[in-house]
Amino acid sequence: MTMKYQREDRVNLGKVKEHLSRYVAKAERGTKIIICRRNRPVAEIIPIDQPPGENRTSLGCRLGSVQIRTDITEPAIPAEDWDALS
């Protein structure tokens, strides 16, 4: 199976060490990154051909799963202990 890349970037190893996450993000967008040592190619970062997965993130809470048993507007510590904080 031959993959088609949008672009190809050549980068020396020192820059990759400084900005690895930047080059991984480029690979995710379809760019082939060729890593060089002293301007000689030694490795490459390529995108993995995978279909996008289902998002399993569940934001918020389910109805009734949280119970608040106090007044959330009153301070968490008694007023007489406020002087200890300063």
C-alpha atoms as a PDB file:
ATOM      1  CA  MET A   1       0.000   0.000   0.000  1.00  0.00           C
ATOM      2  CA  THR A   2       1.490   3.319  -1.059  1.00  0.00           C
ATOM      3  CA  MET A   3       0.590   6.421   0.928  1.00  0.00           C
ATOM      4  CA  LYS A   4       0.421   9.838  -0.665  1.00  0.00           C
ATOM      5  CA  TYR A   5       1.812  12.673   1.413  1.00  0.00           C
ATOM      6  CA  GLN A   6       0.779  16.290   1.110  1.00  0.00           C
ATOM      7  CA  ARG A   7       4.345  17.499   1.713  1.00  0.00           C
ATOM      8  CA  GLU A   8       7.770  16.356   2.750  1.00  0.00           C
ATOM      9  CA  ASP A   9       9.921  18.249   5.267  1.00  0.00           C
ATOM     10  CA  ARG A  10      13.603  17.628   6.029  1.00  0.00           C
ATOM     11  CA  VAL A  11      14.656  18.569   9.543  1.00  0.00           C
ATOM     12  CA  ASN A  12      17.886  18.094  11.465  1.00  0.00           C
ATOM     13  CA  LEU A  13      17.714  16.046  14.664  1.00  0.00           C
ATOM     14  CA  GLY A  14      18.409  19.003  16.975  1.00  0.00           C
ATOM     15  CA  LYS A  15      15.295  20.827  15.784  1.00  0.00           C
ATOM     16  CA  VAL A  16      13.184  17.702  16.155  1.00  0.00           C
ATOM     17  CA  LYS A  17      14.412  17.299  19.745  1.00  0.00           C
ATOM     18  CA  GLU A  18      13.392  20.889  20.508  1.00  0.00           C
ATOM     19  CA  HIS A  19       9.987  20.778  18.795  1.00  0.00           C
ATOM     20  CA  LEU A  20       8.904  17.125  18.609  1.00  0.00           C
ATOM     21  CA  SER A  21       5.221  17.811  19.254  1.00  0.00           C
ATOM     22  CA  ARG A  22       5.169  20.342  16.396  1.00  0.00           C
ATOM     23  CA  TYR A  23       6.521  17.755  13.937  1.00  0.00           C
ATOM     24  CA  VAL A  24       4.172  15.032  15.178  1.00  0.00           C
ATOM     25  CA  ALA A  25       1.268  17.442  14.616  1.00  0.00           C
ATOM     26  CA  LYS A  26       2.512  18.052  11.060  1.00  0.00           C
ATOM     27  CA  ALA A  27       2.628  14.294  10.482  1.00  0.00           C
ATOM     28  CA  GLU A  28      -0.944  13.999  11.735  1.00  0.00           C
ATOM     29  CA  ARG A  29      -1.947  16.527   9.067  1.00  0.00           C
ATOM     30  CA  GLY A  30      -0.299  14.412   6.345  1.00  0.00           C
ATOM     31  CA  THR A  31       3.269  15.756   6.117  1.00  0.00           C
ATOM     32  CA  LYS A  32       6.136  13.279   5.896  1.00  0.00           C
ATOM     33  CA  ILE A  33       8.995  14.433   8.171  1.00  0.00           C
ATOM     34  CA  ILE A  34      12.479  13.226   7.249  1.00  0.00           C
ATOM     35  CA  ILE A  35      14.886  13.453  10.190  1.00  0.00           C
ATOM     36  CA  CYS A  36      18.509  14.128   9.286  1.00  0.00           C
ATOM     37  CA  ARG A  37      21.763  13.912  11.206  1.00  0.00           C
ATOM     38  CA  ARG A  38      24.297  16.346   9.766  1.00  0.00           C
ATOM     39  CA  ASN A  39      22.014  16.785   6.730  1.00  0.00           C
ATOM     40  CA  ARG A  40      21.943  13.024   6.003  1.00  0.00           C
ATOM     41  CA  PRO A  41      18.512  11.326   6.247  1.00  0.00           C
ATOM     42  CA  VAL A  42      18.361   8.754   9.059  1.00  0.00           C
ATOM     43  CA  ALA A  43      14.659   8.368   9.947  1.00  0.00           C
ATOM     44  CA  GLU A  44      11.198   9.584   9.123  1.00  0.00           C
ATOM     45  CA  ILE A  45       7.962  10.414  10.879  1.00  0.00           C
ATOM     46  CA  ILE A  46       4.956   9.472   8.794  1.00  0.00           C
ATOM     47  CA  PRO A  47       1.226   9.603   9.510  1.00  0.00           C
ATOM     48  CA  ILE A  48      -0.507   6.336  10.363  1.00  0.00           C
ATOM     49  CA  ASP A  49      -3.325   5.561   7.975  1.00  0.00           C
ATOM     50  CA  GLN A  50      -6.222   4.999  10.374  1.00  0.00           C
ATOM     51  CA  PRO A  51      -9.878   5.864  10.135  1.00  0.00           C
ATOM     52  CA  PRO A  52     -10.947   8.376  12.783  1.00  0.00           C
ATOM     53  CA  GLY A  53     -12.184   6.643  15.918  1.00  0.00           C
ATOM     54  CA  GLU A  54     -15.360   7.307  17.824  1.00  0.00           C
ATOM     55  CA  ASN A  55     -15.117  10.018  20.463  1.00  0.00           C
ATOM     56  CA  ARG A  56     -15.765   8.370  23.837  1.00  0.00           C
ATOM     57  CA  THR A  57     -15.427  11.549  25.883  1.00  0.00           C
ATOM     58  CA  SER A  58     -18.383  12.105  28.173  1.00  0.00           C
ATOM     59  CA  LEU A  59     -18.724  15.711  29.196  1.00  0.00           C
ATOM     60  CA  GLY A  60     -20.734  16.707  32.243  1.00  0.00           C
ATOM     61  CA  CYS A  61     -22.508  14.420  34.664  1.00  0.00           C
ATOM     62  CA  ARG A  62     -25.413  12.119  34.358  1.00  0.00           C
ATOM     63  CA  LEU A  63     -28.671  13.292  35.864  1.00  0.00           C
ATOM     64  CA  GLY A  64     -28.778  12.512  39.586  1.00  0.00           C
ATOM     65  CA  SER A  65     -25.150  11.357  39.883  1.00  0.00           C
ATOM     66  CA  VAL A  66     -24.069  14.377  41.966  1.00  0.00           C
ATOM     67  CA  GLN A  67     -25.544  15.412  45.291  1.00  0.00           C
ATOM     68  CA  ILE A  68     -24.721  18.754  46.929  1.00  0.00           C
ATOM     69  CA  ARG A  69     -25.272  18.520  50.682  1.00  0.00           C
ATOM     70  CA  THR A  70     -24.303  22.034  51.729  1.00  0.00           C
ATOM     71  CA  ASP A  71     -24.773  25.624  50.721  1.00  0.00           C
ATOM     72  CA  ILE A  72     -22.252  26.116  47.925  1.00  0.00           C
ATOM     73  CA  THR A  73     -22.275  29.886  48.432  1.00  0.00           C
ATOM     74  CA  GLU A  74     -20.851  29.869  51.965  1.00  0.00           C
ATOM     75  CA  PRO A  75     -17.068  29.805  52.619  1.00  0.00           C
ATOM     76  CA  ALA A  76     -15.342  26.453  52.972  1.00  0.00           C
ATOM     77  CA  ILE A  77     -13.690  27.455  56.289  1.00  0.00           C
ATOM     78  CA  PRO A  78     -15.184  29.223  59.323  1.00  0.00           C
ATOM     79  CA  ALA A  79     -14.898  33.028  59.406  1.00  0.00           C
ATOM     80  CA  GLU A  80     -12.708  32.979  62.559  1.00  0.00           C
ATOM     81  CA  ASP A  81     -10.024  30.994  60.684  1.00  0.00           C
ATOM     82  CA  TRP A  82      -9.661  33.623  57.951  1.00  0.00           C
ATOM     83  CA  ASP A  83      -6.902  35.434  59.891  1.00  0.00           C
ATOM     84  CA  ALA A  84      -4.750  32.283  59.788  1.00  0.00           C
ATOM     85  CA  LEU A  85      -4.627  32.506  55.995  1.00  0.00           C
ATOM     86  CA  SER A  86      -2.821  35.855  55.937  1.00  0.00           C
END
